[in-house]
Amino acid sequence: MSKIIIYSTPACVYCKMAKAFFLDQKIDYIEKDVVSDLKAQEEMIKKSGQFGVPVIDVDGQIIIGFDKAKIVELLKLG
């Protein structure tokens, strides 16, 4: 099973869409709120070079934004 980390903020619409997608697909993930967790924020920026969310880490492959097609590809869902 893949290890998935989603770096998000509570107000982010695309973060909510990504989390809903994972729930619909019954895929477990770890959520890191980069507003309340500065260590997670630094980790996200180091991995992606991005300040925007969501940043999704699928087994070390970084996805910027909610790129459903890329997630499906990496998780071999389709």
PDB file of N, CA and C in Angstrom:
ATOM      1  N   MET A   1       0.843  -1.193   0.000  1.00  0.00           N
ATOM      2  CA  MET A   1       0.000   0.000   0.000  1.00  0.00           C
ATOM      3  C   MET A   1       0.881   1.247   0.000  1.00  0.00           C
ATOM      4  N   SER A   2       0.481   2.223  -0.746  1.00  0.00           N
ATOM      5  CA  SER A   2       1.239   3.463  -0.870  1.00  0.00           C
ATOM      6  C   SER A   2       1.120   4.310   0.389  1.00  0.00           C
ATOM      7  N   LYS A   3       2.183   5.048   0.667  1.00  0.00           N
ATOM      8  CA  LYS A   3       2.151   6.012   1.762  1.00  0.00           C
ATOM      9  C   LYS A   3       1.822   7.367   1.151  1.00  0.00           C
ATOM     10  N   ILE A   4       0.743   7.972   1.628  1.00  0.00           N
ATOM     11  CA  ILE A   4       0.271   9.245   1.090  1.00  0.00           C
ATOM     12  C   ILE A   4       0.234  10.278   2.204  1.00  0.00           C
ATOM     13  N   ILE A   5       0.851  11.423   1.936  1.00  0.00           N
ATOM     14  CA  ILE A   5       0.798  12.560   2.848  1.00  0.00           C
ATOM     15  C   ILE A   5       0.213  13.726   2.071  1.00  0.00           C
ATOM     16  N   ILE A   6      -0.785  14.372   2.642  1.00  0.00           N
ATOM     17  CA  ILE A   6      -1.334  15.579   2.025  1.00  0.00           C
ATOM     18  C   ILE A   6      -1.067  16.753   2.962  1.00  0.00           C
ATOM     19  N   TYR A   7      -0.373  17.736   2.421  1.00  0.00           N
ATOM     20  CA  TYR A   7      -0.105  18.982   3.135  1.00  0.00           C
ATOM     21  C   TYR A   7      -1.239  19.931   2.763  1.00  0.00           C
ATOM     22  N   SER A   8      -1.941  20.431   3.768  1.00  0.00           N
ATOM     23  CA  SER A   8      -3.152  21.193   3.492  1.00  0.00           C
ATOM     24  C   SER A   8      -3.357  22.314   4.497  1.00  0.00           C
ATOM     25  N   THR A   9      -4.402  23.098   4.230  1.00  0.00           N
ATOM     26  CA  THR A   9      -4.890  24.086   5.185  1.00  0.00           C
ATOM     27  C   THR A   9      -6.390  23.874   5.338  1.00  0.00           C
ATOM     28  N   PRO A  10      -6.959  24.280   6.462  1.00  0.00           N
ATOM     29  CA  PRO A  10      -8.394  24.063   6.680  1.00  0.00           C
ATOM     30  C   PRO A  10      -9.302  24.742   5.650  1.00  0.00           C
ATOM     31  N   ALA A  11      -8.887  25.877   5.106  1.00  0.00           N
ATOM     32  CA  ALA A  11      -9.745  26.639   4.203  1.00  0.00           C
ATOM     33  C   ALA A  11      -9.575  26.275   2.721  1.00  0.00           C
ATOM     34  N   CYS A  12      -8.654  25.391   2.410  1.00  0.00           N
ATOM     35  CA  CYS A  12      -8.307  25.085   1.018  1.00  0.00           C
ATOM     36  C   CYS A  12      -9.348  24.180   0.358  1.00  0.00           C
ATOM     37  N   VAL A  13     -10.008  24.690  -0.675  1.00  0.00           N
ATOM     38  CA  VAL A  13     -11.039  23.941  -1.390  1.00  0.00           C
ATOM     39  C   VAL A  13     -10.439  22.732  -2.105  1.00  0.00           C
ATOM     40  N   TYR A  14      -9.289  22.905  -2.742  1.00  0.00           N
ATOM     41  CA  TYR A  14      -8.670  21.794  -3.469  1.00  0.00           C
ATOM     42  C   TYR A  14      -8.158  20.714  -2.514  1.00  0.00           C
ATOM     43  N   CYS A  15      -7.763  21.120  -1.313  1.00  0.00           N
ATOM     44  CA  CYS A  15      -7.371  20.147  -0.291  1.00  0.00           C
ATOM     45  C   CYS A  15      -8.576  19.293   0.086  1.00  0.00           C
ATOM     46  N   LYS A  16      -9.709  19.940   0.276  1.00  0.00           N
ATOM     47  CA  LYS A  16     -10.940  19.220   0.619  1.00  0.00           C
ATOM     48  C   LYS A  16     -11.332  18.262  -0.498  1.00  0.00           C
ATOM     49  N   MET A  17     -11.163  18.685  -1.746  1.00  0.00           N
ATOM     50  CA  MET A  17     -11.471  17.818  -2.883  1.00  0.00           C
ATOM     51  C   MET A  17     -10.553  16.594  -2.898  1.00  0.00           C
ATOM     52  N   ALA A  18      -9.276  16.809  -2.632  1.00  0.00           N
ATOM     53  CA  ALA A  18      -8.315  15.700  -2.616  1.00  0.00           C
ATOM     54  C   ALA A  18      -8.658  14.721  -1.499  1.00  0.00           C
ATOM     55  N   LYS A  19      -8.956  15.232  -0.317  1.00  0.00           N
ATOM     56  CA  LYS A  19      -9.284  14.361   0.810  1.00  0.00           C
ATOM     57  C   LYS A  19     -10.574  13.595   0.550  1.00  0.00           C
ATOM     58  N   ALA A  20     -11.557  14.242  -0.062  1.00  0.00           N
ATOM     59  CA  ALA A  20     -12.813  13.571  -0.411  1.00  0.00           C
ATOM     60  C   ALA A  20     -12.557  12.462  -1.428  1.00  0.00           C
ATOM     61  N   PHE A  21     -11.683  12.711  -2.384  1.00  0.00           N
ATOM     62  CA  PHE A  21     -11.322  11.692  -3.375  1.00  0.00           C
ATOM     63  C   PHE A  21     -10.706  10.472  -2.686  1.00  0.00           C
ATOM     64  N   PHE A  22      -9.759  10.704  -1.776  1.00  0.00           N
ATOM     65  CA  PHE A  22      -9.127   9.592  -1.065  1.00  0.00           C
ATOM     66  C   PHE A  22     -10.154   8.811  -0.243  1.00  0.00           C
ATOM     67  N   LEU A  23     -11.063   9.519   0.406  1.00  0.00           N
ATOM     68  CA  LEU A  23     -12.107   8.844   1.186  1.00  0.00           C
ATOM     69  C   LEU A  23     -13.021   8.022   0.286  1.00  0.00           C
ATOM     70  N   ASP A  24     -13.426   8.595  -0.847  1.00  0.00           N
ATOM     71  CA  ASP A  24     -14.283   7.875  -1.799  1.00  0.00           C
ATOM     72  C   ASP A  24     -13.616   6.604  -2.308  1.00  0.00           C
ATOM     73  N   GLN A  25     -12.306   6.669  -2.485  1.00  0.00           N
ATOM     74  CA  GLN A  25     -11.539   5.524  -2.989  1.00  0.00           C
ATOM     75  C   GLN A  25     -11.081   4.591  -1.860  1.00  0.00           C
ATOM     76  N   LYS A  26     -11.438   4.949  -0.613  1.00  0.00           N
ATOM     77  CA  LYS A  26     -11.037   4.178   0.578  1.00  0.00           C
ATOM     78  C   LYS A  26      -9.515   4.044   0.679  1.00  0.00           C
ATOM     79  N   ILE A  27      -8.842   5.174   0.447  1.00  0.00           N
ATOM     80  CA  ILE A  27      -7.384   5.235   0.491  1.00  0.00           C
ATOM     81  C   ILE A  27      -6.977   5.995   1.752  1.00  0.00           C
ATOM     82  N   ASP A  28      -6.153   5.352   2.572  1.00  0.00           N
ATOM     83  CA  ASP A  28      -5.657   5.996   3.789  1.00  0.00           C
ATOM     84  C   ASP A  28      -4.598   7.037   3.436  1.00  0.00           C
ATOM     85  N   TYR A  29      -4.585   8.105   4.205  1.00  0.00           N
ATOM     86  CA  TYR A  29      -3.587   9.151   4.005  1.00  0.00           C
ATOM     87  C   TYR A  29      -3.287   9.819   5.338  1.00  0.00           C
ATOM     88  N   ILE A  30      -2.162  10.491   5.379  1.00  0.00           N
ATOM     89  CA  ILE A  30      -1.778  11.293   6.538  1.00  0.00           C
ATOM     90  C   ILE A  30      -1.971  12.750   6.142  1.00  0.00           C
ATOM     91  N   GLU A  31      -2.675  13.494   6.971  1.00  0.00           N
ATOM     92  CA  GLU A  31      -2.887  14.922   6.696  1.00  0.00           C
ATOM     93  C   GLU A  31      -1.996  15.748   7.601  1.00  0.00           C
ATOM     94  N   LYS A  32      -1.328  16.725   7.009  1.00  0.00           N
ATOM     95  CA  LYS A  32      -0.508  17.658   7.772  1.00  0.00           C
ATOM     96  C   LYS A  32      -0.995  19.073   7.480  1.00  0.00           C
ATOM     97  N   ASP A  33      -1.489  19.730   8.516  1.00  0.00           N
ATOM     98  CA  ASP A  33      -2.002  21.103   8.411  1.00  0.00           C
ATOM     99  C   ASP A  33      -0.823  22.067   8.514  1.00  0.00           C
ATOM    100  N   VAL A  34      -0.498  22.706   7.416  1.00  0.00           N
ATOM    101  CA  VAL A  34       0.683  23.577   7.378  1.00  0.00           C
ATOM    102  C   VAL A  34       0.443  24.947   8.013  1.00  0.00           C
ATOM    103  N   VAL A  35      -0.794  25.209   8.436  1.00  0.00           N
ATOM    104  CA  VAL A  35      -1.073  26.448   9.170  1.00  0.00           C
ATOM    105  C   VAL A  35      -0.691  26.272  10.639  1.00  0.00           C
ATOM    106  N   SER A  36      -1.095  25.159  11.219  1.00  0.00           N
ATOM    107  CA  SER A  36      -0.855  24.939  12.655  1.00  0.00           C
ATOM    108  C   SER A  36       0.444  24.189  12.948  1.00  0.00           C
ATOM    109  N   ASP A  37       1.039  23.563  11.937  1.00  0.00           N
ATOM    110  CA  ASP A  37       2.240  22.759  12.129  1.00  0.00           C
ATOM    111  C   ASP A  37       3.384  23.328  11.277  1.00  0.00           C
ATOM    112  N   LEU A  38       4.208  24.171  11.891  1.00  0.00           N
ATOM    113  CA  LEU A  38       5.282  24.835  11.149  1.00  0.00           C
ATOM    114  C   LEU A  38       6.340  23.853  10.658  1.00  0.00           C
ATOM    115  N   LYS A  39       6.546  22.774  11.393  1.00  0.00           N
ATOM    116  CA  LYS A  39       7.487  21.741  10.943  1.00  0.00           C
ATOM    117  C   LYS A  39       6.981  21.100   9.642  1.00  0.00           C
ATOM    118  N   ALA A  40       5.687  20.825   9.580  1.00  0.00           N
ATOM    119  CA  ALA A  40       5.086  20.268   8.364  1.00  0.00           C
ATOM    120  C   ALA A  40       5.185  21.268   7.214  1.00  0.00           C
ATOM    121  N   GLN A  41       5.010  22.559   7.519  1.00  0.00           N
ATOM    122  CA  GLN A  41       5.126  23.598   6.505  1.00  0.00           C
ATOM    123  C   GLN A  41       6.533  23.608   5.908  1.00  0.00           C
ATOM    124  N   GLU A  42       7.538  23.557   6.766  1.00  0.00           N
ATOM    125  CA  GLU A  42       8.925  23.528   6.291  1.00  0.00           C
ATOM    126  C   GLU A  42       9.207  22.275   5.475  1.00  0.00           C
ATOM    127  N   GLU A  43       8.674  21.135   5.921  1.00  0.00           N
ATOM    128  CA  GLU A  43       8.836  19.861   5.226  1.00  0.00           C
ATOM    129  C   GLU A  43       8.229  19.937   3.816  1.00  0.00           C
ATOM    130  N   MET A  44       7.017  20.523   3.729  1.00  0.00           N
ATOM    131  CA  MET A  44       6.331  20.665   2.451  1.00  0.00           C
ATOM    132  C   MET A  44       7.132  21.544   1.488  1.00  0.00           C
ATOM    133  N   ILE A  45       7.619  22.661   1.982  1.00  0.00           N
ATOM    134  CA  ILE A  45       8.382  23.585   1.139  1.00  0.00           C
ATOM    135  C   ILE A  45       9.680  22.930   0.675  1.00  0.00           C
ATOM    136  N   LYS A  46      10.331  22.195   1.563  1.00  0.00           N
ATOM    137  CA  LYS A  46      11.569  21.510   1.201  1.00  0.00           C
ATOM    138  C   LYS A  46      11.321  20.458   0.113  1.00  0.00           C
ATOM    139  N   LYS A  47      10.226  19.711   0.241  1.00  0.00           N
ATOM    140  CA  LYS A  47       9.909  18.659  -0.730  1.00  0.00           C
ATOM    141  C   LYS A  47       9.486  19.224  -2.089  1.00  0.00           C
ATOM    142  N   SER A  48       8.719  20.313  -2.058  1.00  0.00           N
ATOM    143  CA  SER A  48       8.055  20.776  -3.283  1.00  0.00           C
ATOM    144  C   SER A  48       8.545  22.110  -3.826  1.00  0.00           C
ATOM    145  N   GLY A  49       9.171  22.928  -2.971  1.00  0.00           N
ATOM    146  CA  GLY A  49       9.528  24.278  -3.390  1.00  0.00           C
ATOM    147  C   GLY A  49       8.308  25.188  -3.493  1.00  0.00           C
ATOM    148  N   GLN A  50       7.181  24.729  -2.967  1.00  0.00           N
ATOM    149  CA  GLN A  50       5.913  25.451  -3.080  1.00  0.00           C
ATOM    150  C   GLN A  50       5.435  25.936  -1.721  1.00  0.00           C
ATOM    151  N   PHE A  51       4.727  27.073  -1.742  1.00  0.00           N
ATOM    152  CA  PHE A  51       4.065  27.574  -0.543  1.00  0.00           C
ATOM    153  C   PHE A  51       2.576  27.270  -0.592  1.00  0.00           C
ATOM    154  N   GLY A  52       2.059  26.998  -1.800  1.00  0.00           N
ATOM    155  CA  GLY A  52       0.631  26.728  -1.985  1.00  0.00           C
ATOM    156  C   GLY A  52       0.278  25.298  -1.656  1.00  0.00           C
ATOM    157  N   VAL A  53      -0.987  25.090  -1.334  1.00  0.00           N
ATOM    158  CA  VAL A  53      -1.502  23.757  -1.019  1.00  0.00           C
ATOM    159  C   VAL A  53      -2.652  23.406  -1.967  1.00  0.00           C
ATOM    160  N   PRO A  54      -2.981  22.159  -2.120  1.00  0.00           N
ATOM    161  CA  PRO A  54      -2.340  21.018  -1.478  1.00  0.00           C
ATOM    162  C   PRO A  54      -1.049  20.602  -2.178  1.00  0.00           C
ATOM    163  N   VAL A  55      -0.181  20.023  -1.392  1.00  0.00           N
ATOM    164  CA  VAL A  55       0.972  19.290  -1.909  1.00  0.00           C
ATOM    165  C   VAL A  55       0.749  17.863  -1.446  1.00  0.00           C
ATOM    166  N   ILE A  56       0.768  16.931  -2.379  1.00  0.00           N
ATOM    167  CA  ILE A  56       0.482  15.534  -2.073  1.00  0.00           C
ATOM    168  C   ILE A  56       1.731  14.710  -2.371  1.00  0.00           C
ATOM    169  N   ASP A  57       2.157  13.954  -1.376  1.00  0.00           N
ATOM    170  CA  ASP A  57       3.333  13.091  -1.485  1.00  0.00           C
ATOM    171  C   ASP A  57       2.839  11.647  -1.554  1.00  0.00           C
ATOM    172  N   VAL A  58       3.047  11.018  -2.711  1.00  0.00           N
ATOM    173  CA  VAL A  58       2.678   9.616  -2.898  1.00  0.00           C
ATOM    174  C   VAL A  58       3.975   8.825  -3.040  1.00  0.00           C
ATOM    175  N   ASP A  59       4.368   8.162  -1.968  1.00  0.00           N
ATOM    176  CA  ASP A  59       5.605   7.370  -1.971  1.00  0.00           C
ATOM    177  C   ASP A  59       6.804   8.169  -2.484  1.00  0.00           C
ATOM    178  N   GLY A  60       6.885   9.440  -2.082  1.00  0.00           N
ATOM    179  CA  GLY A  60       8.018  10.269  -2.479  1.00  0.00           C
ATOM    180  C   GLY A  60       7.831  11.016  -3.785  1.00  0.00           C
ATOM    181  N   GLN A  61       6.774  10.708  -4.527  1.00  0.00           N
ATOM    182  CA  GLN A  61       6.443  11.453  -5.750  1.00  0.00           C
ATOM    183  C   GLN A  61       5.575  12.640  -5.340  1.00  0.00           C
ATOM    184  N   ILE A  62       6.001  13.842  -5.697  1.00  0.00           N
ATOM    185  CA  ILE A  62       5.304  15.052  -5.263  1.00  0.00           C
ATOM    186  C   ILE A  62       4.326  15.526  -6.340  1.00  0.00           C
ATOM    187  N   ILE A  63       3.099  15.770  -5.901  1.00  0.00           N
ATOM    188  CA  ILE A  63       2.050  16.309  -6.771  1.00  0.00           C
ATOM    189  C   ILE A  63       1.673  17.672  -6.215  1.00  0.00           C
ATOM    190  N   ILE A  64       1.730  18.671  -7.076  1.00  0.00           N
ATOM    191  CA  ILE A  64       1.354  20.035  -6.680  1.00  0.00           C
ATOM    192  C   ILE A  64      -0.108  20.235  -7.080  1.00  0.00           C
ATOM    193  N   GLY A  65      -0.943  20.591  -6.108  1.00  0.00           N
ATOM    194  CA  GLY A  65      -2.358  20.779  -6.388  1.00  0.00           C
ATOM    195  C   GLY A  65      -3.092  19.446  -6.418  1.00  0.00           C
ATOM    196  N   PHE A  66      -4.394  19.501  -6.652  1.00  0.00           N
ATOM    197  CA  PHE A  66      -5.198  18.286  -6.740  1.00  0.00           C
ATOM    198  C   PHE A  66      -5.236  17.852  -8.204  1.00  0.00           C
ATOM    199  N   ASP A  67      -4.237  17.073  -8.587  1.00  0.00           N
ATOM    200  CA  ASP A  67      -4.119  16.537  -9.948  1.00  0.00           C
ATOM    201  C   ASP A  67      -4.639  15.102  -9.913  1.00  0.00           C
ATOM    202  N   LYS A  68      -5.956  14.966 -10.085  1.00  0.00           N
ATOM    203  CA  LYS A  68      -6.603  13.665  -9.955  1.00  0.00           C
ATOM    204  C   LYS A  68      -6.013  12.634 -10.907  1.00  0.00           C
ATOM    205  N   ALA A  69      -5.752  13.028 -12.138  1.00  0.00           N
ATOM    206  CA  ALA A  69      -5.197  12.101 -13.130  1.00  0.00           C
ATOM    207  C   ALA A  69      -3.834  11.563 -12.690  1.00  0.00           C
ATOM    208  N   LYS A  70      -3.002  12.420 -12.136  1.00  0.00           N
ATOM    209  CA  LYS A  70      -1.676  11.999 -11.675  1.00  0.00           C
ATOM    210  C   LYS A  70      -1.793  11.076 -10.468  1.00  0.00           C
ATOM    211  N   ILE A  71      -2.720  11.378  -9.583  1.00  0.00           N
ATOM    212  CA  ILE A  71      -2.939  10.518  -8.413  1.00  0.00           C
ATOM    213  C   ILE A  71      -3.398   9.130  -8.863  1.00  0.00           C
ATOM    214  N   VAL A  72      -4.354   9.093  -9.780  1.00  0.00           N
ATOM    215  CA  VAL A  72      -4.856   7.817 -10.324  1.00  0.00           C
ATOM    216  C   VAL A  72      -3.714   7.032 -10.953  1.00  0.00           C
ATOM    217  N   GLU A  73      -2.875   7.724 -11.706  1.00  0.00           N
ATOM    218  CA  GLU A  73      -1.730   7.083 -12.354  1.00  0.00           C
ATOM    219  C   GLU A  73      -0.754   6.502 -11.330  1.00  0.00           C
ATOM    220  N   LEU A  74      -0.377   7.291 -10.342  1.00  0.00           N
ATOM    221  CA  LEU A  74       0.605   6.840  -9.356  1.00  0.00           C
ATOM    222  C   LEU A  74       0.075   5.695  -8.492  1.00  0.00           C
ATOM    223  N   LEU A  75      -1.224   5.732  -8.194  1.00  0.00           N
ATOM    224  CA  LEU A  75      -1.812   4.686  -7.349  1.00  0.00           C
ATOM    225  C   LEU A  75      -2.358   3.522  -8.168  1.00  0.00           C
ATOM    226  N   LYS A  76      -2.220   3.626  -9.502  1.00  0.00           N
ATOM    227  CA  LYS A  76      -2.692   2.572 -10.413  1.00  0.00           C
ATOM    228  C   LYS A  76      -4.162   2.240 -10.173  1.00  0.00           C
ATOM    229  N   LEU A  77      -4.977   3.290 -10.120  1.00  0.00           N
ATOM    230  CA  LEU A  77      -6.409   3.125  -9.874  1.00  0.00           C
ATOM    231  C   LEU A  77      -7.227   2.937 -11.146  1.00  0.00           C
ATOM    232  N   GLY A  78      -6.691   3.370 -12.263  1.00  0.00           N
ATOM    233  CA  GLY A  78      -7.506   3.328 -13.472  1.00  0.00           C
ATOM    234  C   GLY A  78      -6.897   2.474 -14.499  1.00  0.00           C
TER     235      GLY A  78
END
